[in-house]
Amino acid sequence: MAVTTCDGCGACCMGQNLLPLTGAGLDGRRLPDVLQFRLTAIIEGPLSGDDYCPCVWLDRATGRCNHHDHRPSICREFHVGGEDCLRIRAKGGG
């Protein structure tokens, strides 16, 4: 069966702890002020989480990104159902 959705998964978001943002992580786009405020608070505050250290924007209940429209470029380049997706799902049980 082909994988066509992220619903109930989130395996690729595990082990991230923080958003995987680098220089042009959002392709030059600016985060909305409310998301920038949240991200700054997370970066400057104490990190917490379970042993899997999920990305801070992952909705653990749905396995989806809470801010999908503003996800970093590395997340945009990740293909649902692609080779990396299937490998990570198999390893992480997503």
PDB file of N, CA and C in Angstrom:
ATOM      1  N   MET A   1       0.843  -1.187   0.000  1.00  0.00           N
ATOM      2  CA  MET A   1       0.000   0.000   0.000  1.00  0.00           C
ATOM      3  C   MET A   1       0.886   1.248   0.000  1.00  0.00           C
ATOM      4  N   ALA A   2       0.596   2.187  -0.870  1.00  0.00           N
ATOM      5  CA  ALA A   2       1.380   3.418  -0.985  1.00  0.00           C
ATOM      6  C   ALA A   2       1.050   4.374   0.165  1.00  0.00           C
ATOM      7  N   VAL A   3       2.082   5.033   0.674  1.00  0.00           N
ATOM      8  CA  VAL A   3       1.914   6.035   1.722  1.00  0.00           C
ATOM      9  C   VAL A   3       1.642   7.367   1.045  1.00  0.00           C
ATOM     10  N   THR A   4       0.499   7.996   1.383  1.00  0.00           N
ATOM     11  CA  THR A   4       0.131   9.253   0.744  1.00  0.00           C
ATOM     12  C   THR A   4      -0.179  10.365   1.730  1.00  0.00           C
ATOM     13  N   THR A   5      -0.082  10.094   3.024  1.00  0.00           N
ATOM     14  CA  THR A   5      -0.419  11.096   4.030  1.00  0.00           C
ATOM     15  C   THR A   5       0.486  10.971   5.248  1.00  0.00           C
ATOM     16  N   CYS A   6       0.594  12.065   5.981  1.00  0.00           N
ATOM     17  CA  CYS A   6       1.362  12.080   7.226  1.00  0.00           C
ATOM     18  C   CYS A   6       0.475  11.784   8.438  1.00  0.00           C
ATOM     19  N   ASP A   7      -0.825  11.714   8.221  1.00  0.00           N
ATOM     20  CA  ASP A   7      -1.763  11.526   9.335  1.00  0.00           C
ATOM     21  C   ASP A   7      -1.352  10.356  10.218  1.00  0.00           C
ATOM     22  N   GLY A   8      -1.262  10.633  11.511  1.00  0.00           N
ATOM     23  CA  GLY A   8      -0.948   9.607  12.492  1.00  0.00           C
ATOM     24  C   GLY A   8       0.498   9.164  12.524  1.00  0.00           C
ATOM     25  N   CYS A   9       1.372   9.823  11.811  1.00  0.00           N
ATOM     26  CA  CYS A   9       2.768   9.393  11.741  1.00  0.00           C
ATOM     27  C   CYS A   9       3.671  10.314  12.564  1.00  0.00           C
ATOM     28  N   GLY A  10       4.318  11.272  11.916  1.00  0.00           N
ATOM     29  CA  GLY A  10       5.252  12.176  12.585  1.00  0.00           C
ATOM     30  C   GLY A  10       6.632  11.587  12.788  1.00  0.00           C
ATOM     31  N   ALA A  11       6.906  10.410  12.201  1.00  0.00           N
ATOM     32  CA  ALA A  11       8.199   9.751  12.395  1.00  0.00           C
ATOM     33  C   ALA A  11       9.367  10.626  11.945  1.00  0.00           C
ATOM     34  N   CYS A  12       9.199  11.386  10.856  1.00  0.00           N
ATOM     35  CA  CYS A  12      10.299  12.221  10.366  1.00  0.00           C
ATOM     36  C   CYS A  12      10.524  13.435  11.270  1.00  0.00           C
ATOM     37  N   CYS A  13       9.589  13.740  12.142  1.00  0.00           N
ATOM     38  CA  CYS A  13       9.706  14.889  13.050  1.00  0.00           C
ATOM     39  C   CYS A  13      10.346  14.500  14.382  1.00  0.00           C
ATOM     40  N   MET A  14      10.505  13.212  14.604  1.00  0.00           N
ATOM     41  CA  MET A  14      11.104  12.754  15.853  1.00  0.00           C
ATOM     42  C   MET A  14      12.618  12.969  15.786  1.00  0.00           C
ATOM     43  N   GLY A  15      13.221  13.197  16.925  1.00  0.00           N
ATOM     44  CA  GLY A  15      14.657  13.400  16.987  1.00  0.00           C
ATOM     45  C   GLY A  15      15.085  14.788  16.557  1.00  0.00           C
ATOM     46  N   GLN A  16      14.146  15.688  16.336  1.00  0.00           N
ATOM     47  CA  GLN A  16      14.468  17.049  15.910  1.00  0.00           C
ATOM     48  C   GLN A  16      14.620  17.991  17.089  1.00  0.00           C
ATOM     49  N   ASN A  17      13.822  17.829  18.118  1.00  0.00           N
ATOM     50  CA  ASN A  17      13.770  18.666  19.316  1.00  0.00           C
ATOM     51  C   ASN A  17      13.407  20.114  18.986  1.00  0.00           C
ATOM     52  N   LEU A  18      14.214  20.779  18.189  1.00  0.00           N
ATOM     53  CA  LEU A  18      13.878  22.121  17.721  1.00  0.00           C
ATOM     54  C   LEU A  18      13.618  22.050  16.227  1.00  0.00           C
ATOM     55  N   LEU A  19      13.006  23.073  15.694  1.00  0.00           N
ATOM     56  CA  LEU A  19      12.825  23.124  14.250  1.00  0.00           C
ATOM     57  C   LEU A  19      14.186  23.072  13.581  1.00  0.00           C
ATOM     58  N   PRO A  20      14.306  22.306  12.519  1.00  0.00           N
ATOM     59  CA  PRO A  20      15.601  22.228  11.823  1.00  0.00           C
ATOM     60  C   PRO A  20      15.829  23.463  10.962  1.00  0.00           C
ATOM     61  N   LEU A  21      15.968  24.613  11.611  1.00  0.00           N
ATOM     62  CA  LEU A  21      16.158  25.871  10.889  1.00  0.00           C
ATOM     63  C   LEU A  21      17.639  26.179  10.735  1.00  0.00           C
ATOM     64  N   THR A  22      18.017  26.524   9.526  1.00  0.00           N
ATOM     65  CA  THR A  22      19.368  26.986   9.262  1.00  0.00           C
ATOM     66  C   THR A  22      19.236  28.265   8.456  1.00  0.00           C
ATOM     67  N   GLY A  23      20.310  28.911   8.139  1.00  0.00           N
ATOM     68  CA  GLY A  23      20.304  30.177   7.430  1.00  0.00           C
ATOM     69  C   GLY A  23      19.070  30.504   6.630  1.00  0.00           C
ATOM     70  N   ALA A  24      18.802  29.746   5.594  1.00  0.00           N
ATOM     71  CA  ALA A  24      17.645  30.014   4.745  1.00  0.00           C
ATOM     72  C   ALA A  24      16.579  28.948   4.960  1.00  0.00           C
ATOM     73  N   GLY A  25      16.454  28.494   6.186  1.00  0.00           N
ATOM     74  CA  GLY A  25      15.535  27.409   6.507  1.00  0.00           C
ATOM     75  C   GLY A  25      14.114  27.627   6.077  1.00  0.00           C
ATOM     76  N   LEU A  26      13.681  28.867   6.010  1.00  0.00           N
ATOM     77  CA  LEU A  26      12.325  29.159   5.565  1.00  0.00           C
ATOM     78  C   LEU A  26      12.332  29.802   4.188  1.00  0.00           C
ATOM     79  N   ASP A  27      13.391  29.542   3.433  1.00  0.00           N
ATOM     80  CA  ASP A  27      13.506  30.038   2.070  1.00  0.00           C
ATOM     81  C   ASP A  27      13.324  31.549   1.991  1.00  0.00           C
ATOM     82  N   GLY A  28      13.860  32.257   2.955  1.00  0.00           N
ATOM     83  CA  GLY A  28      13.794  33.706   2.958  1.00  0.00           C
ATOM     84  C   GLY A  28      12.472  34.277   3.420  1.00  0.00           C
ATOM     85  N   ARG A  29      11.517  33.410   3.731  1.00  0.00           N
ATOM     86  CA  ARG A  29      10.215  33.888   4.187  1.00  0.00           C
ATOM     87  C   ARG A  29      10.283  34.211   5.666  1.00  0.00           C
ATOM     88  N   ARG A  30       9.572  35.219   6.071  1.00  0.00           N
ATOM     89  CA  ARG A  30       9.528  35.609   7.473  1.00  0.00           C
ATOM     90  C   ARG A  30       8.363  34.908   8.154  1.00  0.00           C
ATOM     91  N   LEU A  31       8.624  34.418   9.354  1.00  0.00           N
ATOM     92  CA  LEU A  31       7.554  33.818  10.147  1.00  0.00           C
ATOM     93  C   LEU A  31       6.578  34.896  10.599  1.00  0.00           C
ATOM     94  N   PRO A  32       5.302  34.564  10.695  1.00  0.00           N
ATOM     95  CA  PRO A  32       4.373  35.510  11.305  1.00  0.00           C
ATOM     96  C   PRO A  32       4.847  35.830  12.723  1.00  0.00           C
ATOM     97  N   ASP A  33       4.580  37.028  13.199  1.00  0.00           N
ATOM     98  CA  ASP A  33       5.069  37.465  14.507  1.00  0.00           C
ATOM     99  C   ASP A  33       4.724  36.490  15.627  1.00  0.00           C
ATOM    100  N   VAL A  34       3.511  35.952  15.637  1.00  0.00           N
ATOM    101  CA  VAL A  34       3.116  35.049  16.718  1.00  0.00           C
ATOM    102  C   VAL A  34       3.969  33.774  16.707  1.00  0.00           C
ATOM    103  N   LEU A  35       4.312  33.267  15.515  1.00  0.00           N
ATOM    104  CA  LEU A  35       5.157  32.077  15.449  1.00  0.00           C
ATOM    105  C   LEU A  35       6.601  32.411  15.791  1.00  0.00           C
ATOM    106  N   GLN A  36       7.072  33.583  15.382  1.00  0.00           N
ATOM    107  CA  GLN A  36       8.430  33.998  15.737  1.00  0.00           C
ATOM    108  C   GLN A  36       8.557  34.122  17.249  1.00  0.00           C
ATOM    109  N   PHE A  37       7.516  34.674  17.893  1.00  0.00           N
ATOM    110  CA  PHE A  37       7.506  34.816  19.347  1.00  0.00           C
ATOM    111  C   PHE A  37       7.566  33.443  20.013  1.00  0.00           C
ATOM    112  N   ARG A  38       6.759  32.507  19.524  1.00  0.00           N
ATOM    113  CA  ARG A  38       6.750  31.150  20.102  1.00  0.00           C
ATOM    114  C   ARG A  38       8.088  30.464  19.913  1.00  0.00           C
ATOM    115  N   LEU A  39       8.651  30.585  18.713  1.00  0.00           N
ATOM    116  CA  LEU A  39       9.935  29.944  18.437  1.00  0.00           C
ATOM    117  C   LEU A  39      11.040  30.533  19.296  1.00  0.00           C
ATOM    118  N   THR A  40      11.055  31.846  19.452  1.00  0.00           N
ATOM    119  CA  THR A  40      12.053  32.499  20.306  1.00  0.00           C
ATOM    120  C   THR A  40      11.916  32.027  21.751  1.00  0.00           C
ATOM    121  N   ALA A  41      10.691  31.929  22.239  1.00  0.00           N
ATOM    122  CA  ALA A  41      10.461  31.462  23.616  1.00  0.00           C
ATOM    123  C   ALA A  41      10.957  30.038  23.799  1.00  0.00           C
ATOM    124  N   ILE A  42      10.755  29.199  22.806  1.00  0.00           N
ATOM    125  CA  ILE A  42      11.214  27.812  22.895  1.00  0.00           C
ATOM    126  C   ILE A  42      12.734  27.752  22.891  1.00  0.00           C
ATOM    127  N   ILE A  43      13.365  28.503  21.991  1.00  0.00           N
ATOM    128  CA  ILE A  43      14.821  28.481  21.876  1.00  0.00           C
ATOM    129  C   ILE A  43      15.483  29.024  23.137  1.00  0.00           C
ATOM    130  N   GLU A  44      14.906  30.077  23.706  1.00  0.00           N
ATOM    131  CA  GLU A  44      15.513  30.709  24.881  1.00  0.00           C
ATOM    132  C   GLU A  44      15.130  30.028  26.188  1.00  0.00           C
ATOM    133  N   GLY A  45      14.081  29.225  26.169  1.00  0.00           N
ATOM    134  CA  GLY A  45      13.619  28.569  27.391  1.00  0.00           C
ATOM    135  C   GLY A  45      14.232  27.195  27.553  1.00  0.00           C
ATOM    136  N   PRO A  46      13.902  26.549  28.647  1.00  0.00           N
ATOM    137  CA  PRO A  46      14.408  25.185  28.855  1.00  0.00           C
ATOM    138  C   PRO A  46      13.713  24.217  27.900  1.00  0.00           C
ATOM    139  N   LEU A  47      14.472  23.306  27.333  1.00  0.00           N
ATOM    140  CA  LEU A  47      13.892  22.312  26.452  1.00  0.00           C
ATOM    141  C   LEU A  47      13.310  21.183  27.288  1.00  0.00           C
ATOM    142  N   SER A  48      12.189  20.696  26.851  1.00  0.00           N
ATOM    143  CA  SER A  48      11.599  19.555  27.536  1.00  0.00           C
ATOM    144  C   SER A  48      11.041  18.632  26.481  1.00  0.00           C
ATOM    145  N   GLY A  49      10.758  17.429  26.863  1.00  0.00           N
ATOM    146  CA  GLY A  49      10.206  16.475  25.915  1.00  0.00           C
ATOM    147  C   GLY A  49      10.534  15.070  26.349  1.00  0.00           C
ATOM    148  N   ASP A  50      10.059  14.124  25.588  1.00  0.00           N
ATOM    149  CA  ASP A  50      10.324  12.742  25.942  1.00  0.00           C
ATOM    150  C   ASP A  50      11.622  12.279  25.280  1.00  0.00           C
ATOM    151  N   ASP A  51      11.897  11.002  25.396  1.00  0.00           N
ATOM    152  CA  ASP A  51      13.138  10.449  24.870  1.00  0.00           C
ATOM    153  C   ASP A  51      13.267  10.576  23.360  1.00  0.00           C
ATOM    154  N   TYR A  52      12.151  10.712  22.672  1.00  0.00           N
ATOM    155  CA  TYR A  52      12.198  10.798  21.219  1.00  0.00           C
ATOM    156  C   TYR A  52      12.470  12.218  20.733  1.00  0.00           C
ATOM    157  N   CYS A  53      12.394  13.210  21.594  1.00  0.00           N
ATOM    158  CA  CYS A  53      12.670  14.610  21.269  1.00  0.00           C
ATOM    159  C   CYS A  53      12.007  15.044  19.965  1.00  0.00           C
ATOM    160  N   PRO A  54      10.679  15.072  19.933  1.00  0.00           N
ATOM    161  CA  PRO A  54      10.007  15.481  18.701  1.00  0.00           C
ATOM    162  C   PRO A  54      10.207  16.962  18.410  1.00  0.00           C
ATOM    163  N   CYS A  55      10.053  17.328  17.156  1.00  0.00           N
ATOM    164  CA  CYS A  55      10.065  18.732  16.768  1.00  0.00           C
ATOM    165  C   CYS A  55       9.003  19.458  17.587  1.00  0.00           C
ATOM    166  N   VAL A  56       9.316  20.671  17.988  1.00  0.00           N
ATOM    167  CA  VAL A  56       8.410  21.420  18.858  1.00  0.00           C
ATOM    168  C   VAL A  56       7.103  21.793  18.166  1.00  0.00           C
ATOM    169  N   TRP A  57       7.037  21.725  16.844  1.00  0.00           N
ATOM    170  CA  TRP A  57       5.800  22.050  16.131  1.00  0.00           C
ATOM    171  C   TRP A  57       4.975  20.817  15.790  1.00  0.00           C
ATOM    172  N   LEU A  58       5.444  19.627  16.161  1.00  0.00           N
ATOM    173  CA  LEU A  58       4.709  18.399  15.870  1.00  0.00           C
ATOM    174  C   LEU A  58       3.509  18.262  16.801  1.00  0.00           C
ATOM    175  N   ASP A  59       2.356  18.023  16.224  1.00  0.00           N
ATOM    176  CA  ASP A  59       1.153  17.701  17.000  1.00  0.00           C
ATOM    177  C   ASP A  59       1.177  16.194  17.198  1.00  0.00           C
ATOM    178  N   ARG A  60       1.518  15.759  18.393  1.00  0.00           N
ATOM    179  CA  ARG A  60       1.679  14.325  18.653  1.00  0.00           C
ATOM    180  C   ARG A  60       0.369  13.563  18.495  1.00  0.00           C
ATOM    181  N   ALA A  61      -0.766  14.221  18.679  1.00  0.00           N
ATOM    182  CA  ALA A  61      -2.059  13.546  18.559  1.00  0.00           C
ATOM    183  C   ALA A  61      -2.388  13.191  17.105  1.00  0.00           C
ATOM    184  N   THR A  62      -1.990  14.049  16.175  1.00  0.00           N
ATOM    185  CA  THR A  62      -2.323  13.827  14.766  1.00  0.00           C
ATOM    186  C   THR A  62      -1.133  13.372  13.934  1.00  0.00           C
ATOM    187  N   GLY A  63       0.091  13.589  14.439  1.00  0.00           N
ATOM    188  CA  GLY A  63       1.290  13.265  13.669  1.00  0.00           C
ATOM    189  C   GLY A  63       1.564  14.279  12.576  1.00  0.00           C
ATOM    190  N   ARG A  64       0.962  15.441  12.683  1.00  0.00           N
ATOM    191  CA  ARG A  64       1.122  16.469  11.649  1.00  0.00           C
ATOM    192  C   ARG A  64       1.742  17.731  12.236  1.00  0.00           C
ATOM    193  N   CYS A  65       2.271  18.573  11.362  1.00  0.00           N
ATOM    194  CA  CYS A  65       2.894  19.830  11.760  1.00  0.00           C
ATOM    195  C   CYS A  65       1.825  20.853  12.128  1.00  0.00           C
ATOM    196  N   ASN A  66       2.002  21.492  13.267  1.00  0.00           N
ATOM    197  CA  ASN A  66       1.065  22.538  13.698  1.00  0.00           C
ATOM    198  C   ASN A  66       1.153  23.785  12.824  1.00  0.00           C
ATOM    199  N   HIS A  67       2.265  23.990  12.156  1.00  0.00           N
ATOM    200  CA  HIS A  67       2.463  25.191  11.351  1.00  0.00           C
ATOM    201  C   HIS A  67       2.985  24.802   9.962  1.00  0.00           C
ATOM    202  N   HIS A  68       2.270  23.910   9.311  1.00  0.00           N
ATOM    203  CA  HIS A  68       2.671  23.318   8.037  1.00  0.00           C
ATOM    204  C   HIS A  68       3.020  24.359   6.972  1.00  0.00           C
ATOM    205  N   ASP A  69       2.279  25.455   6.912  1.00  0.00           N
ATOM    206  CA  ASP A  69       2.547  26.492   5.910  1.00  0.00           C
ATOM    207  C   ASP A  69       3.872  27.207   6.137  1.00  0.00           C
ATOM    208  N   HIS A  70       4.433  27.085   7.333  1.00  0.00           N
ATOM    209  CA  HIS A  70       5.669  27.788   7.682  1.00  0.00           C
ATOM    210  C   HIS A  70       6.790  26.816   8.046  1.00  0.00           C
ATOM    211  N   ARG A  71       6.693  25.592   7.555  1.00  0.00           N
ATOM    212  CA  ARG A  71       7.715  24.597   7.885  1.00  0.00           C
ATOM    213  C   ARG A  71       9.022  24.920   7.148  1.00  0.00           C
ATOM    214  N   PRO A  72      10.146  24.505   7.714  1.00  0.00           N
ATOM    215  CA  PRO A  72      11.456  24.764   7.107  1.00  0.00           C
ATOM    216  C   PRO A  72      11.612  24.059   5.756  1.00  0.00           C
ATOM    217  N   SER A  73      12.571  24.519   4.976  1.00  0.00           N
ATOM    218  CA  SER A  73      12.789  23.958   3.642  1.00  0.00           C
ATOM    219  C   SER A  73      13.115  22.473   3.688  1.00  0.00           C
ATOM    220  N   ILE A  74      13.844  22.012   4.710  1.00  0.00           N
ATOM    221  CA  ILE A  74      14.173  20.587   4.785  1.00  0.00           C
ATOM    222  C   ILE A  74      12.908  19.752   4.906  1.00  0.00           C
ATOM    223  N   CYS A  75      11.901  20.291   5.571  1.00  0.00           N
ATOM    224  CA  CYS A  75      10.629  19.585   5.705  1.00  0.00           C
ATOM    225  C   CYS A  75       9.845  19.647   4.396  1.00  0.00           C
ATOM    226  N   ARG A  76       9.971  20.749   3.692  1.00  0.00           N
ATOM    227  CA  ARG A  76       9.283  20.892   2.404  1.00  0.00           C
ATOM    228  C   ARG A  76       9.861  19.935   1.366  1.00  0.00           C
ATOM    229  N   GLU A  77      11.133  19.624   1.481  1.00  0.00           N
ATOM    230  CA  GLU A  77      11.799  18.756   0.517  1.00  0.00           C
ATOM    231  C   GLU A  77      11.579  17.274   0.810  1.00  0.00           C
ATOM    232  N   PHE A  78      11.065  16.957   1.976  1.00  0.00           N
ATOM    233  CA  PHE A  78      10.829  15.572   2.378  1.00  0.00           C
ATOM    234  C   PHE A  78       9.569  15.063   1.678  1.00  0.00           C
ATOM    235  N   HIS A  79       9.648  13.962   0.983  1.00  0.00           N
ATOM    236  CA  HIS A  79       8.534  13.465   0.182  1.00  0.00           C
ATOM    237  C   HIS A  79       7.784  12.347   0.902  1.00  0.00           C
ATOM    238  N   VAL A  80       6.508  12.579   1.175  1.00  0.00           N
ATOM    239  CA  VAL A  80       5.651  11.564   1.788  1.00  0.00           C
ATOM    240  C   VAL A  80       5.605  10.351   0.871  1.00  0.00           C
ATOM    241  N   GLY A  81       5.931   9.201   1.428  1.00  0.00           N
ATOM    242  CA  GLY A  81       5.934   7.966   0.645  1.00  0.00           C
ATOM    243  C   GLY A  81       7.218   7.712  -0.110  1.00  0.00           C
ATOM    244  N   GLY A  82       8.170   8.652  -0.023  1.00  0.00           N
ATOM    245  CA  GLY A  82       9.465   8.476  -0.681  1.00  0.00           C
ATOM    246  C   GLY A  82      10.342   7.486   0.075  1.00  0.00           C
ATOM    247  N   GLU A  83      11.491   7.224  -0.466  1.00  0.00           N
ATOM    248  CA  GLU A  83      12.414   6.248   0.119  1.00  0.00           C
ATOM    249  C   GLU A  83      12.779   6.600   1.569  1.00  0.00           C
ATOM    250  N   ASP A  84      13.131   7.871   1.813  1.00  0.00           N
ATOM    251  CA  ASP A  84      13.491   8.286   3.175  1.00  0.00           C
ATOM    252  C   ASP A  84      12.299   8.167   4.117  1.00  0.00           C
ATOM    253  N   CYS A  85      11.124   8.563   3.645  1.00  0.00           N
ATOM    254  CA  CYS A  85       9.901   8.476   4.442  1.00  0.00           C
ATOM    255  C   CYS A  85       9.658   7.026   4.882  1.00  0.00           C
ATOM    256  N   LEU A  86       9.703   6.110   3.939  1.00  0.00           N
ATOM    257  CA  LEU A  86       9.434   4.709   4.244  1.00  0.00           C
ATOM    258  C   LEU A  86      10.480   4.124   5.190  1.00  0.00           C
ATOM    259  N   ARG A  87      11.746   4.521   5.003  1.00  0.00           N
ATOM    260  CA  ARG A  87      12.825   4.037   5.877  1.00  0.00           C
ATOM    261  C   ARG A  87      12.609   4.531   7.309  1.00  0.00           C
ATOM    262  N   ILE A  88      12.291   5.821   7.451  1.00  0.00           N
ATOM    263  CA  ILE A  88      12.090   6.401   8.781  1.00  0.00           C
ATOM    264  C   ILE A  88      10.850   5.806   9.442  1.00  0.00           C
ATOM    265  N   ARG A  89       9.793   5.620   8.681  1.00  0.00           N
ATOM    266  CA  ARG A  89       8.584   5.008   9.237  1.00  0.00           C
ATOM    267  C   ARG A  89       8.869   3.600   9.728  1.00  0.00           C
ATOM    268  N   ALA A  90       9.624   2.828   8.962  1.00  0.00           N
ATOM    269  CA  ALA A  90       9.933   1.451   9.350  1.00  0.00           C
ATOM    270  C   ALA A  90      10.767   1.427  10.632  1.00  0.00           C
ATOM    271  N   LYS A  91      11.696   2.356  10.735  1.00  0.00           N
ATOM    272  CA  LYS A  91      12.574   2.421  11.905  1.00  0.00           C
ATOM    273  C   LYS A  91      11.831   2.981  13.121  1.00  0.00           C
ATOM    274  N   GLY A  92      10.992   4.014  12.891  1.00  0.00           N
ATOM    275  CA  GLY A  92      10.325   4.682  13.996  1.00  0.00           C
ATOM    276  C   GLY A  92       8.940   4.197  14.317  1.00  0.00           C
ATOM    277  N   GLY A  93       8.429   3.301  13.523  1.00  0.00           N
ATOM    278  CA  GLY A  93       7.116   2.757  13.815  1.00  0.00           C
ATOM    279  C   GLY A  93       5.973   3.708  13.477  1.00  0.00           C
ATOM    280  N   GLY A  94       6.227   4.731  12.625  1.00  0.00           N
ATOM    281  CA  GLY A  94       5.179   5.682  12.272  1.00  0.00           C
ATOM    282  C   GLY A  94       4.142   5.132  11.346  1.00  0.00           C
TER     283      GLY A  94
END
